[in-house]
Amino acid sequence: MAKTSANSLLNSLKGKIWLASVGLAFFICVFGLISYLIISFLTSDTLYAVFIPFAGVAFSVVVFGWWLADEVVKPVEKVSLLAKSLERGVSAGLPKTSGSTETDDILETLKRLSQQVQKLVASMDEAASGRLESALGSNAGSDRISQTFQKLLAKVAESIHAKQDLEKLERAVGALSG
């Protein structure tokens, strides 16, 4: 979702592309006309009068394309690097912004996902160390991962308690029969 603000046109990839395209069209018109007029006054050869402005405009379009590609790809590369760093370890530091509203929305989602995974890992560590009650209470979140993990922990705790009850029952039966 794009954020609506007074300067959202300059903060979104779509807005940057649109403004850059309008600027390029204006530049091509003005540069082409002025260079054609100047070259026409300097030489009577129409080949030069057409070729030199065309070459200048073609060069400017190539430079513009390189710049625009860089502007569009930078935020996407930042979010991609962030996703790769999250894949390697959930404790990776997250940048505050990527440079565009579209990728900032993705970045915020990745931040929330990173926090959920960090909570899940902490709960798993608690459960692995035998503190099930602590793990059951510490990860009470509303997201699906937390809810599913809470259900899993509840079943594990239930089976541990059932095993303890079974051991007590076996001891009691052994004491009665022995």
C-alpha atoms as a PDB file:
ATOM      1  CA  MET A   1       0.000   0.000   0.000  1.00  0.00           C
ATOM      2  CA  ALA A   2       1.358   3.390  -0.964  1.00  0.00           C
ATOM      3  CA  LYS A   3       1.350   5.981   1.776  1.00  0.00           C
ATOM      4  CA  THR A   4      -0.519   9.135   0.917  1.00  0.00           C
ATOM      5  CA  SER A   5       1.379  12.255   1.796  1.00  0.00           C
ATOM      6  CA  ALA A   6       2.233  15.568   0.203  1.00  0.00           C
ATOM      7  CA  ASN A   7       5.562  14.292  -1.077  1.00  0.00           C
ATOM      8  CA  SER A   8       4.599  10.699  -1.866  1.00  0.00           C
ATOM      9  CA  LEU A   9       5.207  11.327  -5.562  1.00  0.00           C
ATOM     10  CA  LEU A  10       8.896  11.824  -4.807  1.00  0.00           C
ATOM     11  CA  ASN A  11       9.073   8.897  -2.358  1.00  0.00           C
ATOM     12  CA  SER A  12       7.568   6.166  -4.521  1.00  0.00           C
ATOM     13  CA  LEU A  13       9.213   4.299  -7.355  1.00  0.00           C
ATOM     14  CA  LYS A  14       6.211   4.917  -9.563  1.00  0.00           C
ATOM     15  CA  GLY A  15       6.364   8.656  -8.882  1.00  0.00           C
ATOM     16  CA  LYS A  16      10.092   8.814  -9.534  1.00  0.00           C
ATOM     17  CA  ILE A  17       9.696   7.017 -12.846  1.00  0.00           C
ATOM     18  CA  TRP A  18       6.774   9.222 -13.868  1.00  0.00           C
ATOM     19  CA  LEU A  19       8.555  12.461 -12.971  1.00  0.00           C
ATOM     20  CA  ALA A  20      11.757  11.318 -14.642  1.00  0.00           C
ATOM     21  CA  SER A  21       9.884  10.378 -17.821  1.00  0.00           C
ATOM     22  CA  VAL A  22       8.128  13.738 -17.944  1.00  0.00           C
ATOM     23  CA  GLY A  23      11.447  15.501 -17.331  1.00  0.00           C
ATOM     24  CA  LEU A  24      13.113  13.471 -20.070  1.00  0.00           C
ATOM     25  CA  ALA A  25      10.325  14.225 -22.554  1.00  0.00           C
ATOM     26  CA  PHE A  26      10.606  17.944 -21.788  1.00  0.00           C
ATOM     27  CA  PHE A  27      14.399  17.822 -22.067  1.00  0.00           C
ATOM     28  CA  ILE A  28      14.247  15.984 -25.387  1.00  0.00           C
ATOM     29  CA  CYS A  29      11.836  18.534 -26.835  1.00  0.00           C
ATOM     30  CA  VAL A  30      13.762  21.566 -25.641  1.00  0.00           C
ATOM     31  CA  PHE A  31      17.234  20.162 -26.344  1.00  0.00           C
ATOM     32  CA  GLY A  32      16.192  18.872 -29.776  1.00  0.00           C
ATOM     33  CA  LEU A  33      14.628  22.164 -30.798  1.00  0.00           C
ATOM     34  CA  ILE A  34      17.443  24.360 -29.500  1.00  0.00           C
ATOM     35  CA  SER A  35      20.213  22.175 -30.908  1.00  0.00           C
ATOM     36  CA  TYR A  36      18.419  21.925 -34.269  1.00  0.00           C
ATOM     37  CA  LEU A  37      18.065  25.692 -34.445  1.00  0.00           C
ATOM     38  CA  ILE A  38      21.693  26.307 -33.455  1.00  0.00           C
ATOM     39  CA  ILE A  39      23.091  23.716 -35.865  1.00  0.00           C
ATOM     40  CA  SER A  40      20.794  25.013 -38.646  1.00  0.00           C
ATOM     41  CA  PHE A  41      22.180  28.527 -38.231  1.00  0.00           C
ATOM     42  CA  LEU A  42      25.788  27.272 -38.160  1.00  0.00           C
ATOM     43  CA  THR A  43      25.599  24.992 -41.179  1.00  0.00           C
ATOM     44  CA  SER A  44      23.380  24.666 -44.194  1.00  0.00           C
ATOM     45  CA  ASP A  45      23.825  20.898 -44.346  1.00  0.00           C
ATOM     46  CA  THR A  46      20.556  19.331 -43.144  1.00  0.00           C
ATOM     47  CA  LEU A  47      22.275  16.033 -42.354  1.00  0.00           C
ATOM     48  CA  TYR A  48      24.271  17.688 -39.577  1.00  0.00           C
ATOM     49  CA  ALA A  49      21.275  19.727 -38.450  1.00  0.00           C
ATOM     50  CA  VAL A  50      19.332  16.518 -37.853  1.00  0.00           C
ATOM     51  CA  PHE A  51      22.118  14.096 -36.902  1.00  0.00           C
ATOM     52  CA  ILE A  52      23.818  16.167 -34.148  1.00  0.00           C
ATOM     53  CA  PRO A  53      20.584  16.842 -32.169  1.00  0.00           C
ATOM     54  CA  PHE A  54      19.547  13.207 -32.655  1.00  0.00           C
ATOM     55  CA  ALA A  55      22.905  11.951 -31.350  1.00  0.00           C
ATOM     56  CA  GLY A  56      22.696  14.323 -28.360  1.00  0.00           C
ATOM     57  CA  VAL A  57      19.174  13.205 -27.526  1.00  0.00           C
ATOM     58  CA  ALA A  58      20.122   9.527 -27.918  1.00  0.00           C
ATOM     59  CA  PHE A  59      23.068  10.004 -25.555  1.00  0.00           C
ATOM     60  CA  SER A  60      20.875  11.773 -23.003  1.00  0.00           C
ATOM     61  CA  VAL A  61      18.310   8.947 -23.157  1.00  0.00           C
ATOM     62  CA  VAL A  62      21.066   6.380 -22.491  1.00  0.00           C
ATOM     63  CA  VAL A  63      22.345   8.392 -19.500  1.00  0.00           C
ATOM     64  CA  PHE A  64      18.780   8.841 -18.262  1.00  0.00           C
ATOM     65  CA  GLY A  65      18.080   5.097 -18.570  1.00  0.00           C
ATOM     66  CA  TRP A  66      21.199   4.272 -16.562  1.00  0.00           C
ATOM     67  CA  TRP A  67      20.235   6.776 -13.850  1.00  0.00           C
ATOM     68  CA  LEU A  68      16.600   5.617 -13.733  1.00  0.00           C
ATOM     69  CA  ALA A  69      17.597   1.954 -13.485  1.00  0.00           C
ATOM     70  CA  ASP A  70      19.890   2.824 -10.590  1.00  0.00           C
ATOM     71  CA  GLU A  71      17.120   4.773  -8.825  1.00  0.00           C
ATOM     72  CA  VAL A  72      14.637   1.925  -9.212  1.00  0.00           C
ATOM     73  CA  VAL A  73      17.005  -0.892  -8.295  1.00  0.00           C
ATOM     74  CA  LYS A  74      18.628   0.650  -5.163  1.00  0.00           C
ATOM     75  CA  PRO A  75      15.614   0.216  -2.839  1.00  0.00           C
ATOM     76  CA  VAL A  76      14.886  -3.252  -4.193  1.00  0.00           C
ATOM     77  CA  GLU A  77      18.516  -4.285  -3.642  1.00  0.00           C
ATOM     78  CA  LYS A  78      18.360  -3.016  -0.042  1.00  0.00           C
ATOM     79  CA  VAL A  79      15.260  -5.079   0.703  1.00  0.00           C
ATOM     80  CA  SER A  80      16.782  -8.090  -1.071  1.00  0.00           C
ATOM     81  CA  LEU A  81      19.961  -7.850   1.010  1.00  0.00           C
ATOM     82  CA  LEU A  82      17.845  -7.532   4.138  1.00  0.00           C
ATOM     83  CA  ALA A  83      15.874 -10.654   3.237  1.00  0.00           C
ATOM     84  CA  LYS A  84      19.119 -12.564   2.625  1.00  0.00           C
ATOM     85  CA  SER A  85      20.564 -11.402   5.950  1.00  0.00           C
ATOM     86  CA  LEU A  86      17.353 -12.491   7.719  1.00  0.00           C
ATOM     87  CA  GLU A  87      17.708 -15.869   6.060  1.00  0.00           C
ATOM     88  CA  ARG A  88      21.205 -16.266   7.539  1.00  0.00           C
ATOM     89  CA  GLY A  89      20.267 -15.044  11.015  1.00  0.00           C
ATOM     90  CA  VAL A  90      17.186 -13.482  12.535  1.00  0.00           C
ATOM     91  CA  SER A  91      19.165 -11.067  14.682  1.00  0.00           C
ATOM     92  CA  ALA A  92      20.323  -9.004  11.695  1.00  0.00           C
ATOM     93  CA  GLY A  93      19.964  -5.248  12.018  1.00  0.00           C
ATOM     94  CA  LEU A  94      17.240  -3.744   9.879  1.00  0.00           C
ATOM     95  CA  PRO A  95      17.555  -0.377   8.125  1.00  0.00           C
ATOM     96  CA  LYS A  96      14.893   2.245   8.857  1.00  0.00           C
ATOM     97  CA  THR A  97      14.116   2.979   5.204  1.00  0.00           C
ATOM     98  CA  SER A  98      14.945   1.630   1.790  1.00  0.00           C
ATOM     99  CA  GLY A  99      14.310   4.777  -0.223  1.00  0.00           C
ATOM    100  CA  SER A 100      10.792   4.262  -1.606  1.00  0.00           C
ATOM    101  CA  THR A 101       7.348   3.778  -0.139  1.00  0.00           C
ATOM    102  CA  GLU A 102       6.743   0.502  -1.977  1.00  0.00           C
ATOM    103  CA  THR A 103       9.848  -1.186  -0.635  1.00  0.00           C
ATOM    104  CA  ASP A 104       9.416   0.470   2.781  1.00  0.00           C
ATOM    105  CA  ASP A 105       6.116  -1.422   3.104  1.00  0.00           C
ATOM    106  CA  ILE A 106       7.956  -4.669   2.374  1.00  0.00           C
ATOM    107  CA  LEU A 107      10.653  -3.634   4.845  1.00  0.00           C
ATOM    108  CA  GLU A 108       8.073  -3.089   7.605  1.00  0.00           C
ATOM    109  CA  THR A 109       6.598  -6.540   6.933  1.00  0.00           C
ATOM    110  CA  LEU A 110      10.068  -8.085   7.109  1.00  0.00           C
ATOM    111  CA  LYS A 111      10.707  -6.282  10.414  1.00  0.00           C
ATOM    112  CA  ARG A 112       7.504  -7.699  11.911  1.00  0.00           C
ATOM    113  CA  LEU A 113       8.364 -11.156  10.604  1.00  0.00           C
ATOM    114  CA  SER A 114      11.858 -10.867  12.083  1.00  0.00           C
ATOM    115  CA  GLN A 115      10.395  -9.950  15.480  1.00  0.00           C
ATOM    116  CA  GLN A 116       7.998 -12.909  15.325  1.00  0.00           C
ATOM    117  CA  VAL A 117      10.807 -15.288  14.462  1.00  0.00           C
ATOM    118  CA  GLN A 118      12.981 -13.884  17.269  1.00  0.00           C
ATOM    119  CA  LYS A 119      10.139 -14.462  19.761  1.00  0.00           C
ATOM    120  CA  LEU A 120       9.620 -17.957  18.383  1.00  0.00           C
ATOM    121  CA  VAL A 121      13.322 -18.801  18.713  1.00  0.00           C
ATOM    122  CA  ALA A 122      13.348 -17.489  22.298  1.00  0.00           C
ATOM    123  CA  SER A 123      10.321 -19.659  23.120  1.00  0.00           C
ATOM    124  CA  MET A 124      11.960 -22.677  21.511  1.00  0.00           C
ATOM    125  CA  ASP A 125      15.060 -22.095  23.639  1.00  0.00           C
ATOM    126  CA  GLU A 126      12.851 -21.909  26.747  1.00  0.00           C
ATOM    127  CA  ALA A 127      11.078 -25.130  25.798  1.00  0.00           C
ATOM    128  CA  ALA A 128      14.340 -26.921  24.972  1.00  0.00           C
ATOM    129  CA  SER A 129      15.727 -26.033  28.380  1.00  0.00           C
ATOM    130  CA  GLY A 130      12.684 -27.569  30.063  1.00  0.00           C
ATOM    131  CA  ARG A 131      10.857 -24.378  31.017  1.00  0.00           C
ATOM    132  CA  LEU A 132       7.593 -25.135  29.204  1.00  0.00           C
ATOM    133  CA  GLU A 133       5.416 -22.965  31.442  1.00  0.00           C
ATOM    134  CA  SER A 134       7.669 -20.000  30.753  1.00  0.00           C
ATOM    135  CA  ALA A 135       7.641 -20.719  27.020  1.00  0.00           C
ATOM    136  CA  LEU A 136       3.867 -21.117  27.013  1.00  0.00           C
ATOM    137  CA  GLY A 137       3.338 -17.711  28.584  1.00  0.00           C
ATOM    138  CA  SER A 138       6.059 -15.714  26.834  1.00  0.00           C
ATOM    139  CA  ASN A 139       4.904 -16.081  23.228  1.00  0.00           C
ATOM    140  CA  ALA A 140       1.232 -15.218  23.447  1.00  0.00           C
ATOM    141  CA  GLY A 141       0.973 -13.400  20.126  1.00  0.00           C
ATOM    142  CA  SER A 142      -1.854 -12.960  17.694  1.00  0.00           C
ATOM    143  CA  ASP A 143       0.058 -14.078  14.613  1.00  0.00           C
ATOM    144  CA  ARG A 144      -0.477 -17.529  13.170  1.00  0.00           C
ATOM    145  CA  ILE A 145       3.062 -18.746  13.856  1.00  0.00           C
ATOM    146  CA  SER A 146       2.808 -17.876  17.559  1.00  0.00           C
ATOM    147  CA  GLN A 147      -0.627 -19.440  17.898  1.00  0.00           C
ATOM    148  CA  THR A 148       0.484 -22.672  16.221  1.00  0.00           C
ATOM    149  CA  PHE A 149       3.624 -22.816  18.334  1.00  0.00           C
ATOM    150  CA  GLN A 150       1.558 -22.277  21.496  1.00  0.00           C
ATOM    151  CA  LYS A 151      -0.675 -25.197  20.490  1.00  0.00           C
ATOM    152  CA  LEU A 152       2.402 -27.364  19.905  1.00  0.00           C
ATOM    153  CA  LEU A 153       3.878 -26.411  23.272  1.00  0.00           C
ATOM    154  CA  ALA A 154       0.566 -27.149  24.988  1.00  0.00           C
ATOM    155  CA  LYS A 155       0.519 -30.642  23.436  1.00  0.00           C
ATOM    156  CA  VAL A 156       4.144 -31.229  24.465  1.00  0.00           C
ATOM    157  CA  ALA A 157       3.395 -30.089  28.009  1.00  0.00           C
ATOM    158  CA  GLU A 158       0.323 -32.299  28.054  1.00  0.00           C
ATOM    159  CA  SER A 159       2.323 -35.357  26.969  1.00  0.00           C
ATOM    160  CA  ILE A 160       5.056 -34.624  29.555  1.00  0.00           C
ATOM    161  CA  HIS A 161       2.426 -34.390  32.289  1.00  0.00           C
ATOM    162  CA  ALA A 162       0.816 -37.601  31.015  1.00  0.00           C
ATOM    163  CA  LYS A 163       4.197 -39.355  31.162  1.00  0.00           C
ATOM    164  CA  GLN A 164       4.757 -38.096  34.716  1.00  0.00           C
ATOM    165  CA  ASP A 165       1.292 -39.305  35.710  1.00  0.00           C
ATOM    166  CA  LEU A 166       2.011 -42.684  34.108  1.00  0.00           C
ATOM    167  CA  GLU A 167       5.282 -42.991  36.029  1.00  0.00           C
ATOM    168  CA  LYS A 168       3.449 -42.170  39.299  1.00  0.00           C
ATOM    169  CA  LEU A 169       0.812 -44.744  38.475  1.00  0.00           C
ATOM    170  CA  GLU A 170       3.461 -47.397  37.687  1.00  0.00           C
ATOM    171  CA  ARG A 171       5.201 -46.666  40.999  1.00  0.00           C
ATOM    172  CA  ALA A 172       1.901 -46.922  42.864  1.00  0.00           C
ATOM    173  CA  VAL A 173       1.053 -50.228  41.176  1.00  0.00           C
ATOM    174  CA  GLY A 174       4.572 -51.484  41.899  1.00  0.00           C
ATOM    175  CA  ALA A 175       4.225 -50.516  45.566  1.00  0.00           C
ATOM    176  CA  LEU A 176       0.841 -52.296  45.819  1.00  0.00           C
ATOM    177  CA  SER A 177       2.032 -55.474  44.160  1.00  0.00           C
ATOM    178  CA  GLY A 178       5.463 -55.625  45.744  1.00  0.00           C
END
